[in-house]
N, C-alpha and C. Protein backbone atom coordinates (compact mmCIF):
# COMPACT_ATOMS: atom_id res chain seq x y z
N UNK A 1 0.83 -1.18 0.00
CA UNK A 1 0.00 0.00 0.00
C UNK A 1 0.88 1.24 0.00
N UNK A 2 0.57 2.16 -0.83
CA UNK A 2 1.31 3.40 -0.93
C UNK A 2 0.84 4.35 0.17
N UNK A 3 1.76 4.81 0.99
CA UNK A 3 1.39 5.74 2.07
C UNK A 3 1.63 7.17 1.62
N UNK A 4 0.77 7.67 0.77
CA UNK A 4 0.88 9.04 0.31
C UNK A 4 -0.18 9.87 1.01
N UNK A 5 0.12 11.13 1.31
CA UNK A 5 -0.84 11.96 2.01
C UNK A 5 -2.17 12.16 1.28
N UNK A 6 -2.27 11.79 0.00
CA UNK A 6 -3.54 11.93 -0.70
C UNK A 6 -4.43 10.73 -0.48
N UNK A 7 -3.89 9.67 0.07
CA UNK A 7 -4.67 8.45 0.30
C UNK A 7 -5.42 8.57 1.62
N UNK A 8 -6.68 8.19 1.62
CA UNK A 8 -7.47 8.25 2.84
C UNK A 8 -7.09 7.11 3.78
N UNK A 9 -7.05 7.43 5.05
CA UNK A 9 -6.78 6.42 6.08
C UNK A 9 -8.07 5.87 6.68
N UNK A 10 -9.20 6.39 6.23
CA UNK A 10 -10.49 5.93 6.76
C UNK A 10 -10.65 4.43 6.48
N UNK A 11 -11.14 3.72 7.50
CA UNK A 11 -11.36 2.28 7.44
C UNK A 11 -10.06 1.50 7.25
N UNK A 12 -9.01 2.00 7.87
CA UNK A 12 -7.72 1.31 7.90
C UNK A 12 -7.39 1.00 9.35
N UNK A 13 -6.46 0.08 9.53
CA UNK A 13 -5.90 -0.19 10.86
C UNK A 13 -4.57 0.51 10.97
N UNK A 14 -4.36 1.16 12.08
CA UNK A 14 -3.12 1.85 12.38
C UNK A 14 -2.40 1.01 13.42
N UNK A 15 -1.17 0.62 13.13
CA UNK A 15 -0.42 -0.29 13.99
C UNK A 15 0.79 0.44 14.56
N UNK A 16 0.87 0.51 15.87
CA UNK A 16 2.01 1.18 16.52
C UNK A 16 3.28 0.38 16.28
N UNK A 17 4.33 1.08 15.89
CA UNK A 17 5.63 0.44 15.71
C UNK A 17 6.24 0.17 17.10
N UNK A 18 7.13 -0.81 17.18
CA UNK A 18 7.75 -1.14 18.48
C UNK A 18 8.44 0.04 19.15
N UNK A 19 8.89 1.03 18.39
CA UNK A 19 9.56 2.20 18.97
C UNK A 19 8.64 3.02 19.86
N UNK A 20 7.33 2.87 19.73
CA UNK A 20 6.38 3.61 20.58
C UNK A 20 6.16 2.92 21.92
N UNK A 21 7.04 2.03 22.30
CA UNK A 21 6.87 1.20 23.49
C UNK A 21 6.74 1.99 24.79
N UNK A 22 7.25 3.21 24.84
CA UNK A 22 7.16 3.99 26.09
C UNK A 22 6.05 5.04 26.03
N UNK A 23 5.12 4.88 25.10
CA UNK A 23 4.03 5.85 24.98
C UNK A 23 2.69 5.18 25.32
N UNK A 24 1.62 5.97 25.46
CA UNK A 24 0.30 5.37 25.70
C UNK A 24 -0.15 4.48 24.53
N UNK A 25 0.50 4.61 23.39
CA UNK A 25 0.14 3.82 22.22
C UNK A 25 1.02 2.58 22.05
N UNK A 26 1.73 2.18 23.07
CA UNK A 26 2.59 0.99 22.97
C UNK A 26 1.76 -0.21 22.52
N UNK A 27 2.18 -0.84 21.45
CA UNK A 27 1.54 -2.03 20.88
C UNK A 27 0.05 -1.82 20.60
N UNK A 28 -0.31 -0.60 20.27
CA UNK A 28 -1.72 -0.29 20.00
C UNK A 28 -2.08 -0.59 18.55
N UNK A 29 -3.35 -0.93 18.36
CA UNK A 29 -3.96 -1.02 17.04
C UNK A 29 -5.19 -0.13 17.10
N UNK A 30 -5.27 0.79 16.16
CA UNK A 30 -6.41 1.70 16.12
C UNK A 30 -7.19 1.52 14.83
N UNK A 31 -8.50 1.56 14.94
CA UNK A 31 -9.38 1.57 13.78
C UNK A 31 -9.65 3.03 13.45
N UNK A 32 -9.23 3.47 12.27
CA UNK A 32 -9.45 4.85 11.85
C UNK A 32 -10.82 4.94 11.19
N UNK A 33 -11.74 5.67 11.81
CA UNK A 33 -13.09 5.77 11.28
C UNK A 33 -13.38 7.12 10.63
N UNK A 34 -12.46 8.06 10.75
CA UNK A 34 -12.63 9.36 10.12
C UNK A 34 -11.27 9.88 9.68
N UNK A 35 -11.19 10.34 8.44
CA UNK A 35 -9.96 10.93 7.92
C UNK A 35 -10.37 11.90 6.83
N UNK A 36 -10.14 13.19 7.09
CA UNK A 36 -10.52 14.20 6.11
C UNK A 36 -9.54 15.37 6.18
N UNK A 37 -9.87 16.47 5.54
CA UNK A 37 -8.97 17.62 5.49
C UNK A 37 -8.71 18.23 6.86
N UNK A 38 -9.52 17.93 7.86
CA UNK A 38 -9.35 18.49 9.20
C UNK A 38 -8.50 17.62 10.11
N UNK A 39 -8.32 16.35 9.75
CA UNK A 39 -7.54 15.45 10.59
C UNK A 39 -8.13 14.05 10.59
N UNK A 40 -7.73 13.27 11.57
CA UNK A 40 -8.13 11.86 11.64
C UNK A 40 -8.62 11.52 13.05
N UNK A 41 -9.55 10.56 13.10
CA UNK A 41 -10.05 10.04 14.38
C UNK A 41 -10.10 8.53 14.30
N UNK A 42 -9.84 7.91 15.44
CA UNK A 42 -9.94 6.46 15.51
C UNK A 42 -10.09 6.02 16.95
N UNK A 43 -10.30 4.72 17.11
CA UNK A 43 -10.37 4.14 18.45
C UNK A 43 -9.39 2.98 18.53
N UNK A 44 -8.69 2.90 19.64
CA UNK A 44 -7.78 1.79 19.89
C UNK A 44 -8.65 0.56 20.17
N UNK A 45 -8.30 -0.55 19.54
CA UNK A 45 -9.16 -1.74 19.61
C UNK A 45 -8.52 -2.91 20.35
N UNK A 46 -7.43 -2.66 21.07
CA UNK A 46 -6.76 -3.80 21.74
C UNK A 46 -6.29 -3.49 23.15
N UNK A 47 -6.88 -2.51 23.81
CA UNK A 47 -6.47 -2.15 25.18
C UNK A 47 -7.67 -2.21 26.13
N UNK A 48 -8.00 -3.41 26.64
CA UNK A 48 -9.15 -3.51 27.55
C UNK A 48 -8.88 -2.81 28.89
N UNK A 49 -9.93 -2.25 29.43
CA UNK A 49 -9.87 -1.60 30.74
C UNK A 49 -10.40 -2.57 31.79
N UNK A 50 -10.27 -2.21 33.06
CA UNK A 50 -10.81 -3.03 34.15
C UNK A 50 -12.27 -2.68 34.40
N UNK A 51 -13.07 -2.73 33.36
CA UNK A 51 -14.51 -2.49 33.51
C UNK A 51 -15.22 -3.19 32.37
N UNK A 52 -16.52 -3.41 32.59
CA UNK A 52 -17.33 -4.04 31.55
C UNK A 52 -18.45 -3.09 31.15
N UNK A 53 -19.14 -3.47 30.09
CA UNK A 53 -20.19 -2.62 29.55
C UNK A 53 -21.33 -2.41 30.55
N UNK A 54 -21.66 -3.44 31.31
CA UNK A 54 -22.73 -3.31 32.31
C UNK A 54 -22.39 -2.22 33.33
N UNK A 55 -21.12 -2.14 33.75
CA UNK A 55 -20.74 -1.13 34.73
C UNK A 55 -20.84 0.28 34.14
N UNK A 56 -20.55 0.43 32.85
CA UNK A 56 -20.71 1.74 32.20
C UNK A 56 -22.18 2.13 32.18
N UNK A 57 -23.05 1.19 31.81
CA UNK A 57 -24.48 1.48 31.79
C UNK A 57 -25.00 1.84 33.19
N UNK A 58 -24.57 1.09 34.20
CA UNK A 58 -25.00 1.37 35.57
C UNK A 58 -24.53 2.76 36.00
N UNK A 59 -23.31 3.15 35.61
CA UNK A 59 -22.79 4.47 35.93
C UNK A 59 -23.67 5.57 35.30
N UNK A 60 -24.20 5.29 34.12
CA UNK A 60 -25.06 6.24 33.42
C UNK A 60 -26.52 6.14 33.85
N UNK A 61 -26.78 5.30 34.84
CA UNK A 61 -28.13 5.07 35.36
C UNK A 61 -29.07 4.49 34.30
N UNK A 62 -28.49 3.63 33.46
CA UNK A 62 -29.26 2.90 32.44
C UNK A 62 -29.47 1.48 32.97
N UNK A 63 -30.71 1.02 33.05
CA UNK A 63 -30.95 -0.33 33.58
C UNK A 63 -30.24 -1.41 32.76
N UNK A 64 -29.70 -2.40 33.47
CA UNK A 64 -29.02 -3.52 32.83
C UNK A 64 -29.88 -4.76 33.04
N UNK A 65 -30.47 -5.23 31.96
CA UNK A 65 -31.32 -6.41 32.03
C UNK A 65 -30.63 -7.66 31.53
N UNK A 66 -29.56 -7.49 30.81
CA UNK A 66 -28.88 -8.61 30.16
C UNK A 66 -27.58 -8.93 30.91
N UNK A 67 -27.49 -10.06 31.62
CA UNK A 67 -26.27 -10.40 32.37
C UNK A 67 -25.05 -10.62 31.47
N UNK A 68 -25.29 -10.85 30.18
CA UNK A 68 -24.17 -11.04 29.24
C UNK A 68 -23.34 -9.76 29.09
N UNK A 69 -23.93 -8.61 29.42
CA UNK A 69 -23.21 -7.35 29.28
C UNK A 69 -22.05 -7.24 30.26
N UNK A 70 -22.08 -8.06 31.33
CA UNK A 70 -20.95 -8.08 32.27
C UNK A 70 -19.73 -8.76 31.66
N UNK A 71 -19.93 -9.49 30.57
CA UNK A 71 -18.83 -10.17 29.89
C UNK A 71 -18.22 -9.32 28.78
N UNK A 72 -18.88 -8.22 28.44
CA UNK A 72 -18.41 -7.37 27.34
C UNK A 72 -17.45 -6.32 27.88
N UNK A 73 -16.15 -6.45 27.57
CA UNK A 73 -15.17 -5.50 28.09
C UNK A 73 -15.29 -4.13 27.43
N UNK A 74 -14.81 -3.13 28.13
CA UNK A 74 -14.71 -1.78 27.60
C UNK A 74 -13.23 -1.54 27.30
N UNK A 75 -12.98 -0.96 26.13
CA UNK A 75 -11.60 -0.72 25.70
C UNK A 75 -11.22 0.74 25.93
N UNK A 76 -9.93 0.95 26.14
CA UNK A 76 -9.37 2.31 26.24
C UNK A 76 -9.18 2.79 24.80
N UNK A 77 -10.14 3.56 24.32
CA UNK A 77 -10.17 3.96 22.92
C UNK A 77 -9.12 4.96 22.52
N UNK A 78 -8.58 5.69 23.48
CA UNK A 78 -7.55 6.68 23.20
C UNK A 78 -7.50 7.73 24.29
N UNK A 79 -6.53 8.63 24.17
CA UNK A 79 -6.31 9.61 25.24
C UNK A 79 -7.22 10.83 25.20
N UNK A 80 -8.04 10.98 24.16
CA UNK A 80 -8.90 12.15 24.02
C UNK A 80 -10.30 11.81 24.52
N UNK A 81 -10.89 12.71 25.30
CA UNK A 81 -12.28 12.58 25.79
C UNK A 81 -12.52 11.20 26.38
N UNK A 82 -11.75 10.84 27.38
CA UNK A 82 -11.81 9.50 27.97
C UNK A 82 -13.14 9.16 28.63
N UNK A 83 -13.96 10.15 28.87
CA UNK A 83 -15.28 9.90 29.46
C UNK A 83 -16.34 9.68 28.38
N UNK A 84 -15.96 9.84 27.14
CA UNK A 84 -16.89 9.74 26.01
C UNK A 84 -16.84 8.33 25.42
N UNK A 85 -18.01 7.69 25.31
CA UNK A 85 -18.08 6.32 24.82
C UNK A 85 -18.35 6.21 23.33
N UNK A 86 -17.82 5.15 22.75
CA UNK A 86 -18.06 4.84 21.34
C UNK A 86 -18.48 3.38 21.24
N UNK A 87 -19.44 3.13 20.37
CA UNK A 87 -19.85 1.77 20.04
C UNK A 87 -19.45 1.54 18.59
N UNK A 88 -18.66 0.52 18.35
CA UNK A 88 -18.32 0.11 16.99
C UNK A 88 -18.94 -1.26 16.80
N UNK A 89 -19.79 -1.40 15.78
CA UNK A 89 -20.46 -2.69 15.61
C UNK A 89 -20.75 -2.98 14.15
N UNK A 90 -21.11 -4.22 13.90
CA UNK A 90 -21.54 -4.66 12.58
C UNK A 90 -23.01 -5.02 12.68
N UNK A 91 -23.70 -4.86 11.60
CA UNK A 91 -25.09 -5.25 11.58
C UNK A 91 -25.91 -4.31 10.74
N UNK A 92 -27.19 -4.52 10.76
CA UNK A 92 -28.10 -3.70 9.96
C UNK A 92 -28.69 -2.54 10.75
N UNK A 93 -28.66 -2.61 12.08
CA UNK A 93 -29.25 -1.58 12.90
C UNK A 93 -28.25 -0.43 13.07
N UNK A 94 -28.54 0.70 12.46
CA UNK A 94 -27.63 1.85 12.53
C UNK A 94 -27.86 2.65 13.80
N UNK A 95 -29.10 2.68 14.31
CA UNK A 95 -29.39 3.50 15.48
C UNK A 95 -29.09 4.95 15.18
N UNK A 96 -28.42 5.62 16.13
CA UNK A 96 -28.03 7.02 15.96
C UNK A 96 -26.65 7.14 15.30
N UNK A 97 -26.03 6.00 15.01
CA UNK A 97 -24.67 6.00 14.49
C UNK A 97 -24.58 6.30 13.01
N UNK A 98 -23.35 6.21 12.52
CA UNK A 98 -23.10 6.40 11.10
C UNK A 98 -22.35 5.20 10.56
N UNK A 99 -22.66 4.84 9.33
CA UNK A 99 -21.94 3.74 8.68
C UNK A 99 -20.58 4.29 8.27
N UNK A 100 -19.52 3.71 8.81
CA UNK A 100 -18.18 4.15 8.45
C UNK A 100 -17.60 3.30 7.34
N UNK A 101 -18.03 2.06 7.25
CA UNK A 101 -17.54 1.15 6.22
C UNK A 101 -18.72 0.38 5.65
N UNK A 102 -19.28 0.86 4.53
CA UNK A 102 -20.45 0.18 3.98
C UNK A 102 -20.16 -1.23 3.45
N UNK A 103 -18.95 -1.49 3.04
CA UNK A 103 -18.60 -2.81 2.51
C UNK A 103 -18.69 -3.87 3.61
N UNK A 104 -18.17 -3.56 4.79
CA UNK A 104 -18.17 -4.50 5.91
C UNK A 104 -19.29 -4.24 6.91
N UNK A 105 -20.18 -3.29 6.60
CA UNK A 105 -21.32 -2.95 7.47
C UNK A 105 -20.85 -2.55 8.87
N UNK A 106 -19.81 -1.74 8.95
CA UNK A 106 -19.30 -1.28 10.25
C UNK A 106 -19.90 0.08 10.56
N UNK A 107 -20.42 0.19 11.77
CA UNK A 107 -21.14 1.38 12.22
C UNK A 107 -20.46 1.87 13.50
N UNK A 108 -20.38 3.19 13.64
CA UNK A 108 -19.85 3.76 14.88
C UNK A 108 -20.88 4.74 15.42
N UNK A 109 -21.03 4.72 16.74
CA UNK A 109 -21.98 5.62 17.38
C UNK A 109 -21.39 6.13 18.68
N UNK A 110 -21.69 7.36 18.99
CA UNK A 110 -21.33 7.95 20.27
C UNK A 110 -22.59 8.41 21.00
N UNK A 111 -23.72 7.86 20.61
CA UNK A 111 -25.02 8.29 21.13
C UNK A 111 -25.38 7.57 22.42
N UNK A 112 -25.81 8.34 23.41
CA UNK A 112 -26.30 7.73 24.65
C UNK A 112 -27.56 6.91 24.37
N UNK A 113 -28.37 7.36 23.42
CA UNK A 113 -29.58 6.61 23.05
C UNK A 113 -29.20 5.21 22.56
N UNK A 114 -28.12 5.09 21.80
CA UNK A 114 -27.69 3.77 21.33
C UNK A 114 -27.20 2.91 22.50
N UNK A 115 -26.61 3.53 23.51
CA UNK A 115 -26.22 2.78 24.71
C UNK A 115 -27.46 2.22 25.41
N UNK A 116 -28.53 3.01 25.42
CA UNK A 116 -29.76 2.57 26.08
C UNK A 116 -30.41 1.42 25.31
N UNK A 117 -30.43 1.52 23.99
CA UNK A 117 -31.12 0.51 23.19
C UNK A 117 -30.26 -0.69 22.86
N UNK A 118 -28.95 -0.61 23.06
CA UNK A 118 -28.07 -1.72 22.69
C UNK A 118 -28.51 -3.07 23.26
N UNK A 119 -28.82 -3.17 24.55
CA UNK A 119 -29.15 -4.50 25.08
C UNK A 119 -30.34 -5.16 24.40
N UNK A 120 -31.24 -4.36 23.81
CA UNK A 120 -32.40 -4.94 23.14
C UNK A 120 -32.12 -5.28 21.67
N UNK A 121 -30.99 -4.79 21.15
CA UNK A 121 -30.66 -5.02 19.75
C UNK A 121 -29.73 -6.22 19.62
N UNK A 122 -29.76 -6.80 18.46
CA UNK A 122 -28.90 -7.95 18.19
C UNK A 122 -27.83 -7.54 17.18
N UNK A 123 -26.72 -7.00 17.68
CA UNK A 123 -25.63 -6.64 16.81
C UNK A 123 -24.80 -7.88 16.52
N UNK A 124 -24.31 -7.98 15.30
CA UNK A 124 -23.50 -9.12 14.90
C UNK A 124 -22.19 -9.14 15.71
N UNK A 125 -21.50 -8.05 15.73
CA UNK A 125 -20.23 -7.91 16.45
C UNK A 125 -20.20 -6.52 17.05
N UNK A 126 -19.50 -6.36 18.19
CA UNK A 126 -19.49 -5.05 18.85
C UNK A 126 -18.23 -4.87 19.69
N UNK A 127 -17.74 -3.64 19.74
CA UNK A 127 -16.75 -3.24 20.73
C UNK A 127 -17.19 -1.90 21.31
N UNK A 128 -16.89 -1.70 22.57
CA UNK A 128 -17.22 -0.47 23.29
C UNK A 128 -15.90 0.14 23.74
N UNK A 129 -15.74 1.45 23.50
CA UNK A 129 -14.53 2.13 23.95
C UNK A 129 -14.90 3.37 24.74
N UNK A 130 -13.99 3.78 25.60
CA UNK A 130 -14.05 5.09 26.24
C UNK A 130 -12.86 5.86 25.72
N UNK A 131 -13.12 7.05 25.18
CA UNK A 131 -12.07 7.86 24.61
C UNK A 131 -11.81 7.50 23.16
N UNK A 132 -11.00 8.37 22.53
CA UNK A 132 -10.62 8.13 21.14
C UNK A 132 -9.23 8.72 20.91
N UNK A 133 -8.68 8.40 19.76
CA UNK A 133 -7.40 8.96 19.34
C UNK A 133 -7.68 9.96 18.23
N UNK A 134 -7.09 11.12 18.31
CA UNK A 134 -7.32 12.15 17.30
C UNK A 134 -6.03 12.81 16.87
N UNK A 135 -5.97 13.18 15.60
CA UNK A 135 -4.80 13.82 15.03
C UNK A 135 -5.26 15.02 14.22
N UNK A 136 -4.57 16.14 14.35
CA UNK A 136 -4.88 17.33 13.56
C UNK A 136 -4.48 17.15 12.10
N UNK A 137 -4.80 18.13 11.30
CA UNK A 137 -4.50 18.11 9.87
C UNK A 137 -3.03 17.78 9.63
N UNK A 138 -2.78 16.71 8.90
CA UNK A 138 -1.41 16.32 8.53
C UNK A 138 -0.61 15.63 9.63
N UNK A 139 -1.07 15.67 10.86
CA UNK A 139 -0.30 15.13 11.98
C UNK A 139 -0.10 13.62 11.87
N UNK A 140 -1.15 12.90 11.52
CA UNK A 140 -1.01 11.45 11.44
C UNK A 140 -0.07 11.04 10.32
N UNK A 141 -0.16 11.71 9.16
CA UNK A 141 0.76 11.38 8.08
C UNK A 141 2.20 11.66 8.48
N UNK A 142 2.42 12.73 9.25
CA UNK A 142 3.77 13.03 9.73
C UNK A 142 4.27 11.90 10.64
N UNK A 143 3.41 11.39 11.53
CA UNK A 143 3.79 10.28 12.41
C UNK A 143 4.05 9.00 11.61
N UNK A 144 3.27 8.78 10.56
CA UNK A 144 3.50 7.61 9.70
C UNK A 144 4.85 7.74 9.00
N UNK A 145 5.14 8.91 8.48
CA UNK A 145 6.41 9.14 7.78
C UNK A 145 7.61 9.05 8.74
N UNK A 146 7.38 9.29 10.04
CA UNK A 146 8.43 9.16 11.06
C UNK A 146 8.57 7.72 11.56
N UNK A 147 7.84 6.78 10.94
CA UNK A 147 7.87 5.36 11.31
C UNK A 147 7.30 5.09 12.70
N UNK A 148 6.35 5.91 13.15
CA UNK A 148 5.67 5.63 14.41
C UNK A 148 4.54 4.62 14.20
N UNK A 149 3.96 4.61 12.99
CA UNK A 149 2.80 3.79 12.70
C UNK A 149 2.94 3.10 11.35
N UNK A 150 2.31 1.95 11.25
CA UNK A 150 2.10 1.27 9.97
C UNK A 150 0.61 1.32 9.67
N UNK A 151 0.28 1.28 8.40
CA UNK A 151 -1.12 1.30 7.98
C UNK A 151 -1.43 -0.03 7.31
N UNK A 152 -2.49 -0.69 7.77
CA UNK A 152 -2.90 -1.97 7.20
C UNK A 152 -4.36 -1.86 6.76
N UNK A 153 -4.75 -2.72 5.83
CA UNK A 153 -6.16 -2.73 5.45
C UNK A 153 -7.01 -3.23 6.62
N UNK A 154 -8.25 -2.80 6.64
CA UNK A 154 -9.16 -3.24 7.69
C UNK A 154 -9.53 -4.70 7.47
N UNK A 155 -9.40 -5.48 8.52
CA UNK A 155 -9.88 -6.86 8.52
C UNK A 155 -10.88 -6.95 9.67
N UNK A 156 -12.18 -7.07 9.37
CA UNK A 156 -13.17 -7.12 10.44
C UNK A 156 -12.92 -8.22 11.47
N UNK A 157 -12.25 -9.31 11.08
CA UNK A 157 -11.93 -10.36 12.04
C UNK A 157 -11.02 -9.83 13.14
N UNK A 158 -10.06 -8.99 12.77
CA UNK A 158 -9.18 -8.40 13.79
C UNK A 158 -9.98 -7.43 14.65
N UNK A 159 -10.86 -6.69 14.04
CA UNK A 159 -11.66 -5.71 14.77
C UNK A 159 -12.58 -6.37 15.79
N UNK A 160 -13.13 -7.54 15.47
CA UNK A 160 -14.15 -8.12 16.34
C UNK A 160 -13.82 -9.51 16.91
N UNK A 161 -13.02 -10.30 16.24
CA UNK A 161 -12.88 -11.71 16.63
C UNK A 161 -11.55 -12.09 17.28
N UNK A 162 -10.45 -11.49 16.84
CA UNK A 162 -9.14 -11.85 17.37
C UNK A 162 -9.05 -11.39 18.82
N UNK A 163 -8.54 -12.23 19.73
CA UNK A 163 -8.37 -11.80 21.12
C UNK A 163 -7.52 -10.52 21.21
N UNK A 164 -7.87 -9.65 22.17
CA UNK A 164 -7.21 -8.35 22.29
C UNK A 164 -5.69 -8.45 22.29
N UNK A 165 -5.15 -9.37 23.06
CA UNK A 165 -3.70 -9.47 23.20
C UNK A 165 -3.00 -9.96 21.93
N UNK A 166 -3.77 -10.42 20.95
CA UNK A 166 -3.19 -10.90 19.68
C UNK A 166 -3.41 -9.93 18.52
N UNK A 167 -4.14 -8.86 18.74
CA UNK A 167 -4.50 -7.96 17.64
C UNK A 167 -3.31 -7.20 17.06
N UNK A 168 -2.34 -6.85 17.88
CA UNK A 168 -1.16 -6.11 17.39
C UNK A 168 -0.38 -6.99 16.42
N UNK A 169 -0.07 -8.20 16.82
CA UNK A 169 0.68 -9.12 15.95
C UNK A 169 -0.15 -9.51 14.74
N UNK A 170 -1.45 -9.74 14.91
CA UNK A 170 -2.31 -10.14 13.79
C UNK A 170 -2.42 -9.01 12.77
N UNK A 171 -2.46 -7.78 13.23
CA UNK A 171 -2.53 -6.64 12.31
C UNK A 171 -1.24 -6.51 11.52
N UNK A 172 -0.11 -6.68 12.19
CA UNK A 172 1.18 -6.64 11.50
C UNK A 172 1.28 -7.77 10.48
N UNK A 173 0.74 -8.92 10.81
CA UNK A 173 0.77 -10.07 9.89
C UNK A 173 0.01 -9.77 8.60
N UNK A 174 -0.98 -8.87 8.65
CA UNK A 174 -1.67 -8.47 7.42
C UNK A 174 -0.70 -7.87 6.41
N UNK A 175 0.39 -7.30 6.92
CA UNK A 175 1.41 -6.70 6.07
C UNK A 175 2.61 -7.63 5.86
N UNK A 176 2.50 -8.86 6.38
CA UNK A 176 3.59 -9.81 6.24
C UNK A 176 4.71 -9.60 7.25
N UNK A 177 4.41 -8.89 8.34
CA UNK A 177 5.43 -8.58 9.35
C UNK A 177 5.27 -9.42 10.60
N UNK A 178 6.40 -9.72 11.20
CA UNK A 178 6.45 -10.37 12.50
C UNK A 178 7.31 -9.47 13.38
N UNK A 179 6.69 -8.73 14.30
CA UNK A 179 7.42 -7.76 15.12
C UNK A 179 8.50 -8.41 15.97
N UNK A 180 8.38 -9.68 16.27
CA UNK A 180 9.42 -10.34 17.07
C UNK A 180 10.72 -10.46 16.28
N UNK A 181 10.67 -10.29 14.97
CA UNK A 181 11.85 -10.41 14.12
C UNK A 181 12.33 -9.05 13.62
N UNK A 182 11.70 -7.97 14.07
CA UNK A 182 12.03 -6.63 13.60
C UNK A 182 12.98 -5.95 14.57
N UNK A 183 14.01 -5.31 14.05
CA UNK A 183 14.96 -4.58 14.89
C UNK A 183 14.22 -3.44 15.59
N UNK A 184 14.47 -3.21 16.88
CA UNK A 184 13.73 -2.19 17.62
C UNK A 184 13.94 -0.78 17.13
N UNK A 185 15.04 -0.52 16.43
CA UNK A 185 15.30 0.84 15.96
C UNK A 185 15.19 0.95 14.43
N UNK A 186 14.25 0.20 13.85
CA UNK A 186 14.06 0.24 12.40
C UNK A 186 13.69 1.65 11.98
N UNK A 187 14.15 2.04 10.80
CA UNK A 187 13.87 3.37 10.31
C UNK A 187 13.98 3.42 8.80
N UNK A 188 14.11 4.64 8.30
CA UNK A 188 14.24 4.83 6.85
C UNK A 188 15.65 4.50 6.41
N UNK A 189 15.76 3.93 5.23
CA UNK A 189 17.09 3.63 4.66
C UNK A 189 17.62 4.85 3.96
């Protein structure tokens, strides 16, 4: 894939390079759901927090009728607006959200109404995050050019099915990379 600033990063996976090991993005994989002339937004999809979806709903004073919601982890979506929740899911029910990837039927919502109605809906796949990652105009491309990030095509299996602790390596494998074999100070030739 050509990483030129004219190419959209929307619906791509952003993979933290090993050099980011001392940052909040160490071994992070982010799903980029917005990329335009103003900047980019995404949610980290492999950093579970010590809370579940039921506890988030209870905190918001939303009744929890489904005990399965205690099994649904909440992810640390990024360092921006950490109190703000996002639902990323697949399915036909859009709710208050927007379709970010029509090919894979991926929808993202930040609506409290969708949090209320979620337990009654049957989403095919879902992740819940608190916070997001955001980059100003040109900032993400600058970080990519500095070898902080790799860009991979979106694979919904990584987004929804691969265990969290395996998503970083699985995303790199989409590009034919094995980070265990990569020199820690890799850079431009």
